[in-house]
Amino acid sequence: MVFFNNLGISGVAIFAILSGMIIVSIVFGEINYMVALGQTGGGETIVNGPQDVSENGDKKLAIITFDDGKKGQIKYAKQTLDSYGYPATFSIICNNVSLSDHLNWHDIQQLEKDGYDLASHTMNHVELEDIPMDIAIHEISESKKCLLDNGVRDVRVFTYPKNGGSDNPAILKEVAKHYDMARTANDPLAFVKCGLTNSSLQDEKIDCTSLGDSEEYGKYSIIGWSHDSEREDNEYNDEQMLQRFIDVVESQSGYNDGEEIGAIPIIIYHDIDTTSGFYTTSFDLFKAEMKYLQDNGFTVISLLDLI
């Protein structure tokens, strides 16, 4: 699929939540949920089952990514992704490989062998705008070389640590020398048309044409949504986080029209473990979220499908 070159939408790029309300009933282990998408004139809630969510015919997409190369990604998340056949991109911090709670080189090579994409997340997970430019260049370029030198066959994607540098023209140009695309954060939706760009607030939009002589740089500042950052900021429990997840992935409906895609949620996870914690999603919550995508008509594509 090629989105940046062939698709566009009209209107303004602002974040919109679906009208109506969402009701979530969860029994972890066996996940149950109901979705309410409106009310009657008398105030009675209309509850639609999963088969009804896409009744307007608009296509719904999602992209799944993982940052930091944490061990729980292969121990827990991979089995669920495998069961649904969902693609995903795993971002690796090269100097953290084989630490006690991180993926080792065998894990990373296995992910690629099994069809998953691997991305560079720098050598040391430093914010690129906080270091001298020569060190930033090393972090950007050497991390790709490190992955290739350790058995990874293809590294086309870069992800910005702590989102730093994705609106810095010098850093963007350096990233573009080494990678085919790059992902940052943190907004619920990535807007496909570069001119509309990627912020939920109009006055914070990045104007792609200001980053160089071509809109090509838009694919080096693609916005993802940090699932874990939002939970930390709002102190959500798993039930509340599932409801927020549903809000986010369904919000694209305000921009998609049939097969024409205007906006896509790019979900960013970090660690997956038996319970939720700091930048860690519980395995039960992760399974519930993947099940929601499956049951409600979402097509999961890879980051590289965008270009």
Protein backbone atom coordinates (compact mmCIF):
# COMPACT_ATOMS: atom_id res chain seq x y z
CA MET A 1 0.00 0.00 0.00
CA VAL A 2 1.23 3.52 -0.74
CA PHE A 3 -0.50 6.20 1.30
CA PHE A 4 1.57 9.37 1.25
CA ASN A 5 1.64 9.61 -2.53
CA ASN A 6 -1.83 8.46 -3.47
CA LEU A 7 -4.28 9.39 -0.73
CA GLY A 8 -5.53 12.65 0.67
CA ILE A 9 -8.48 14.17 2.43
CA SER A 10 -10.12 17.57 2.58
CA GLY A 11 -10.88 19.56 5.69
CA VAL A 12 -8.84 20.43 8.73
CA ALA A 13 -6.68 18.00 10.65
CA ILE A 14 -8.01 18.09 14.17
CA PHE A 15 -8.54 15.22 16.56
CA ALA A 16 -12.13 14.05 16.81
CA ILE A 17 -13.67 11.49 19.14
CA LEU A 18 -16.57 9.42 17.89
CA SER A 19 -19.95 10.74 18.87
CA GLY A 20 -21.77 8.82 21.48
CA MET A 21 -20.30 6.85 24.31
CA ILE A 22 -18.35 3.68 24.84
CA ILE A 23 -19.31 1.08 27.36
CA VAL A 24 -16.70 -1.49 28.27
CA SER A 25 -17.32 -4.64 30.21
CA ILE A 26 -14.14 -6.59 30.88
CA VAL A 27 -13.50 -10.00 32.32
CA PHE A 28 -9.76 -10.43 31.89
CA GLY A 29 -8.74 -13.84 30.65
CA GLU A 30 -12.07 -14.01 28.84
CA ILE A 31 -12.55 -10.51 27.45
CA ASN A 32 -16.06 -9.22 26.90
CA TYR A 33 -17.04 -5.77 25.73
CA MET A 34 -19.96 -3.81 24.30
CA VAL A 35 -19.77 -0.68 22.22
CA ALA A 36 -22.42 2.04 22.36
CA LEU A 37 -22.29 4.40 19.40
CA GLY A 38 -25.21 6.75 19.96
CA GLN A 39 -28.43 7.51 21.70
CA THR A 40 -32.05 7.68 20.67
CA GLY A 41 -33.99 10.93 20.90
CA GLY A 42 -35.33 9.81 24.25
CA GLY A 43 -31.86 9.29 25.65
CA GLU A 44 -31.89 5.51 25.44
CA THR A 45 -28.46 4.14 24.59
CA ILE A 46 -28.21 2.07 21.43
CA VAL A 47 -25.69 -0.71 21.96
CA ASN A 48 -24.11 -2.17 18.86
CA GLY A 49 -22.28 -5.46 18.82
CA PRO A 50 -18.90 -5.85 17.13
CA GLN A 51 -20.46 -6.73 13.77
CA ASP A 52 -22.19 -3.33 13.63
CA VAL A 53 -19.25 -1.01 14.27
CA SER A 54 -18.31 -0.68 10.57
CA GLU A 55 -21.83 -0.43 9.22
CA ASN A 56 -21.03 2.92 7.53
CA GLY A 57 -18.60 1.07 5.28
CA ASP A 58 -15.54 3.17 6.10
CA LYS A 59 -12.29 1.25 6.16
CA LYS A 60 -10.53 1.12 9.52
CA LEU A 61 -6.79 0.59 9.82
CA ALA A 62 -4.32 0.29 12.68
CA ILE A 63 -0.53 0.07 12.92
CA ILE A 64 1.23 -1.64 15.85
CA THR A 65 4.72 -0.69 16.99
CA PHE A 66 6.92 -1.49 19.99
CA ASP A 67 9.72 0.69 21.36
CA ASP A 68 12.84 -0.09 23.41
CA GLY A 69 13.26 -3.81 22.58
CA LYS A 70 11.86 -5.16 25.85
CA LYS A 71 11.82 -8.89 26.62
CA GLY A 72 8.06 -9.04 27.19
CA GLN A 73 7.49 -8.12 23.56
CA ILE A 74 8.64 -11.55 22.40
CA LYS A 75 7.61 -13.44 25.55
CA TYR A 76 4.01 -12.20 25.57
CA ALA A 77 3.02 -9.89 22.71
CA LYS A 78 4.38 -11.98 19.86
CA GLN A 79 2.13 -14.96 20.52
CA THR A 80 -0.96 -12.77 20.25
CA LEU A 81 0.30 -11.03 17.12
CA ASP A 82 1.09 -14.43 15.60
CA SER A 83 -2.40 -15.72 16.37
CA TYR A 84 -4.05 -12.87 14.44
CA GLY A 85 -1.39 -12.59 11.75
CA TYR A 86 -0.83 -8.94 12.66
CA PRO A 87 2.35 -7.22 11.42
CA ALA A 88 4.32 -5.04 13.81
CA THR A 89 7.52 -3.01 13.97
CA PHE A 90 9.99 -3.47 16.85
CA SER A 91 12.40 -0.60 17.61
CA ILE A 92 15.76 -1.61 19.08
CA ILE A 93 18.18 0.39 21.25
CA CYS A 94 21.41 -1.20 20.14
CA ASN A 95 23.44 -0.83 23.32
CA ASN A 96 20.58 -2.22 25.43
CA VAL A 97 20.41 -5.53 23.55
CA SER A 98 20.85 -8.52 25.90
CA LEU A 99 20.35 -6.56 29.11
CA SER A 100 18.34 -8.63 31.57
CA ASP A 101 14.94 -7.20 30.63
CA HIS A 102 15.65 -6.63 26.92
CA LEU A 103 15.65 -8.71 23.77
CA ASN A 104 18.86 -10.50 22.85
CA TRP A 105 20.24 -10.87 19.32
CA HIS A 106 18.63 -14.29 18.89
CA ASP A 107 15.21 -12.80 19.80
CA ILE A 108 15.71 -9.93 17.36
CA GLN A 109 16.78 -12.20 14.52
CA GLN A 110 13.81 -14.48 15.23
CA LEU A 111 11.38 -11.58 15.02
CA GLU A 112 12.72 -10.67 11.58
CA LYS A 113 12.72 -14.31 10.47
CA ASP A 114 9.05 -14.53 11.45
CA GLY A 115 8.16 -11.55 9.28
CA TYR A 116 8.27 -8.62 11.67
CA ASP A 117 9.98 -5.33 10.81
CA LEU A 118 12.88 -4.03 12.88
CA ALA A 119 13.66 -0.37 13.42
CA SER A 120 16.53 1.61 14.87
CA HIS A 121 15.86 3.46 18.13
CA THR A 122 19.43 4.86 18.34
CA MET A 123 22.42 3.45 20.17
CA ASN A 124 21.64 4.77 23.67
CA HIS A 125 18.09 6.20 23.70
CA VAL A 126 19.22 9.80 24.13
CA GLU A 127 17.06 12.71 23.06
CA LEU A 128 18.71 13.88 19.86
CA GLU A 129 18.19 17.60 20.39
CA ASP A 130 19.92 17.45 23.78
CA ILE A 131 23.29 16.32 22.40
CA PRO A 132 25.83 17.86 19.98
CA MET A 133 25.01 17.28 16.33
CA ASP A 134 28.05 15.05 15.71
CA ILE A 135 26.91 12.72 18.49
CA ALA A 136 23.34 12.79 17.18
CA ILE A 137 24.63 11.77 13.75
CA HIS A 138 26.47 8.86 15.37
CA GLU A 139 23.33 7.77 17.25
CA ILE A 140 21.27 7.87 14.04
CA SER A 141 23.70 6.21 11.64
CA GLU A 142 25.62 3.82 13.89
CA SER A 143 22.48 2.22 15.29
CA LYS A 144 21.52 1.01 11.82
CA LYS A 145 25.02 -0.33 11.25
CA CYS A 146 24.92 -2.06 14.64
CA LEU A 147 21.72 -3.91 13.76
CA LEU A 148 23.02 -4.96 10.36
CA ASP A 149 26.34 -6.09 11.86
CA ASN A 150 24.46 -8.34 14.28
CA GLY A 151 22.46 -10.34 11.78
CA VAL A 152 19.50 -8.11 10.98
CA ARG A 153 18.91 -8.15 7.24
CA ASP A 154 16.95 -4.94 6.70
CA VAL A 155 16.57 -1.71 8.70
CA ARG A 156 14.40 0.85 6.91
CA VAL A 157 12.67 2.57 9.85
CA PHE A 158 13.96 4.95 12.52
CA THR A 159 12.08 5.92 15.70
CA TYR A 160 12.97 9.01 17.73
CA PRO A 161 13.83 8.49 21.42
CA LYS A 162 11.50 10.55 23.59
CA ASN A 163 10.18 12.11 20.35
CA GLY A 164 13.08 14.55 20.23
CA GLY A 165 14.31 15.88 16.90
CA SER A 166 11.39 14.98 14.70
CA ASP A 167 10.71 18.64 13.94
CA ASN A 168 14.37 19.66 13.65
CA PRO A 169 15.35 20.13 9.98
CA ALA A 170 19.01 19.13 10.48
CA ILE A 171 18.08 15.93 12.31
CA LEU A 172 15.36 15.10 9.80
CA LYS A 173 17.79 15.45 6.92
CA GLU A 174 20.29 13.17 8.67
CA VAL A 175 17.63 10.53 9.36
CA ALA A 176 16.58 10.71 5.69
CA LYS A 177 20.13 9.80 4.62
CA HIS A 178 19.91 6.41 6.32
CA TYR A 179 16.25 5.36 6.52
CA ASP A 180 13.12 5.19 4.38
CA MET A 181 10.81 6.58 7.07
CA ALA A 182 10.72 7.58 10.74
CA ARG A 183 8.12 7.62 13.50
CA THR A 184 7.76 9.96 16.45
CA ALA A 185 4.86 10.65 18.89
CA ASN A 186 2.52 11.72 20.53
CA ASP A 187 -0.92 12.24 18.99
CA PRO A 188 -3.80 9.78 18.71
CA LEU A 189 -3.88 9.88 14.90
CA ALA A 190 -1.39 10.11 12.06
CA PHE A 191 -2.86 12.07 9.18
CA VAL A 192 -2.03 10.61 5.81
CA LYS A 193 -1.84 13.83 3.83
CA CYS A 194 1.33 15.67 4.79
CA GLY A 195 -0.27 19.07 4.29
CA LEU A 196 -2.73 18.27 7.05
CA THR A 197 0.09 16.82 9.14
CA ASN A 198 0.00 15.18 12.47
CA SER A 199 -1.16 17.28 15.40
CA SER A 200 -4.46 17.34 17.22
CA LEU A 201 -3.92 21.07 17.72
CA GLN A 202 -3.90 23.20 14.58
CA ASP A 203 -1.31 25.64 15.89
CA GLU A 204 1.13 22.80 16.53
CA LYS A 205 1.04 21.33 13.04
CA ILE A 206 4.32 20.65 11.29
CA ASP A 207 4.37 22.20 7.84
CA CYS A 208 6.27 19.60 5.82
CA THR A 209 7.32 22.09 3.18
CA SER A 210 9.24 24.08 5.81
CA LEU A 211 11.57 21.14 6.41
CA GLY A 212 13.17 21.20 2.98
CA ASP A 213 12.40 21.57 -0.67
CA SER A 214 10.11 18.55 -0.80
CA GLU A 215 7.16 17.11 1.13
CA GLU A 216 9.21 13.92 1.26
CA TYR A 217 10.34 14.88 4.77
CA GLY A 218 6.80 14.28 5.99
CA LYS A 219 7.53 10.56 6.11
CA TYR A 220 10.32 11.26 8.61
CA SER A 221 8.00 12.75 11.23
CA ILE A 222 5.09 10.30 11.23
CA ILE A 223 3.11 10.59 14.45
CA GLY A 224 2.36 7.62 16.68
CA TRP A 225 0.27 7.39 19.84
CA SER A 226 2.10 6.27 23.00
CA HIS A 227 -0.30 3.91 24.74
CA ASP A 228 1.92 3.79 27.83
CA SER A 229 2.59 7.51 28.07
CA GLU A 230 -1.13 8.24 28.03
CA ARG A 231 -1.79 5.69 30.75
CA GLU A 232 1.00 7.12 32.93
CA ASP A 233 -0.19 10.70 32.44
CA ASN A 234 -3.78 9.84 33.38
CA GLU A 235 -3.14 7.02 35.87
CA TYR A 236 -5.54 4.75 34.01
CA ASN A 237 -6.21 1.23 35.22
CA ASP A 238 -6.60 -1.53 32.64
CA GLU A 239 -10.35 -1.07 32.27
CA GLN A 240 -9.99 2.67 31.68
CA MET A 241 -7.08 2.12 29.30
CA LEU A 242 -9.09 -0.29 27.18
CA GLN A 243 -11.85 2.29 26.90
CA ARG A 244 -9.32 4.93 25.87
CA PHE A 245 -7.81 2.52 23.32
CA ILE A 246 -11.24 2.05 21.76
CA ASP A 247 -11.78 5.83 21.66
CA VAL A 248 -8.48 6.33 19.86
CA VAL A 249 -8.71 3.58 17.25
CA GLU A 250 -12.32 4.43 16.40
CA SER A 251 -11.62 8.19 16.12
CA GLN A 252 -10.23 7.76 12.58
CA SER A 253 -13.80 7.39 11.34
CA GLY A 254 -14.11 11.17 11.23
CA TYR A 255 -11.48 11.27 8.46
CA ASN A 256 -11.92 8.06 6.45
CA ASP A 257 -14.45 7.82 3.65
CA GLY A 258 -15.07 4.33 2.33
CA GLU A 259 -11.74 3.07 0.99
CA GLU A 260 -10.16 6.53 1.14
CA ILE A 261 -7.96 6.71 4.22
CA GLY A 262 -7.39 10.07 5.88
CA ALA A 263 -6.08 9.11 9.30
CA ILE A 264 -4.58 6.05 10.98
CA PRO A 265 -3.81 5.28 14.64
CA ILE A 266 -0.18 4.15 15.03
CA ILE A 267 -0.08 2.49 18.44
CA ILE A 268 3.19 2.51 20.41
CA TYR A 269 3.70 -0.10 23.12
CA HIS A 270 6.76 -0.62 25.29
CA ASP A 271 6.99 -3.64 27.60
CA ILE A 272 4.31 -6.32 27.96
CA ASP A 273 4.15 -8.29 31.22
CA THR A 274 1.75 -10.14 33.49
CA THR A 275 0.61 -6.88 35.11
CA SER A 276 0.56 -3.26 34.00
CA GLY A 277 3.23 -0.93 35.37
CA PHE A 278 5.50 1.91 34.38
CA TYR A 279 5.51 1.88 30.56
CA THR A 280 4.31 -1.71 30.76
CA THR A 281 1.00 -3.06 29.43
CA SER A 282 -0.48 -6.14 31.04
CA PHE A 283 -0.72 -9.18 28.80
CA ASP A 284 -4.46 -9.41 29.44
CA LEU A 285 -4.99 -5.80 28.36
CA PHE A 286 -2.88 -6.29 25.27
CA LYS A 287 -4.90 -9.37 24.32
CA ALA A 288 -8.15 -7.46 24.88
CA GLU A 289 -7.00 -4.63 22.62
CA MET A 290 -5.87 -6.97 19.83
CA LYS A 291 -9.16 -8.85 20.13
CA TYR A 292 -11.06 -5.58 19.78
CA LEU A 293 -9.27 -4.85 16.51
CA GLN A 294 -10.04 -8.34 15.23
CA ASP A 295 -13.70 -8.31 16.25
CA ASN A 296 -14.45 -4.84 14.95
CA GLY A 297 -13.30 -4.96 11.37
CA PHE A 298 -9.84 -3.37 11.59
CA THR A 299 -7.11 -4.14 9.07
CA VAL A 300 -3.68 -4.04 10.70
CA ILE A 301 -0.91 -2.89 8.37
CA SER A 302 2.79 -2.26 8.90
CA LEU A 303 4.52 1.10 9.18
CA LEU A 304 6.30 0.43 5.90
CA ASP A 305 2.95 0.01 4.16
CA LEU A 306 2.61 3.80 4.49
CA ILE A 307 5.30 4.34 1.87
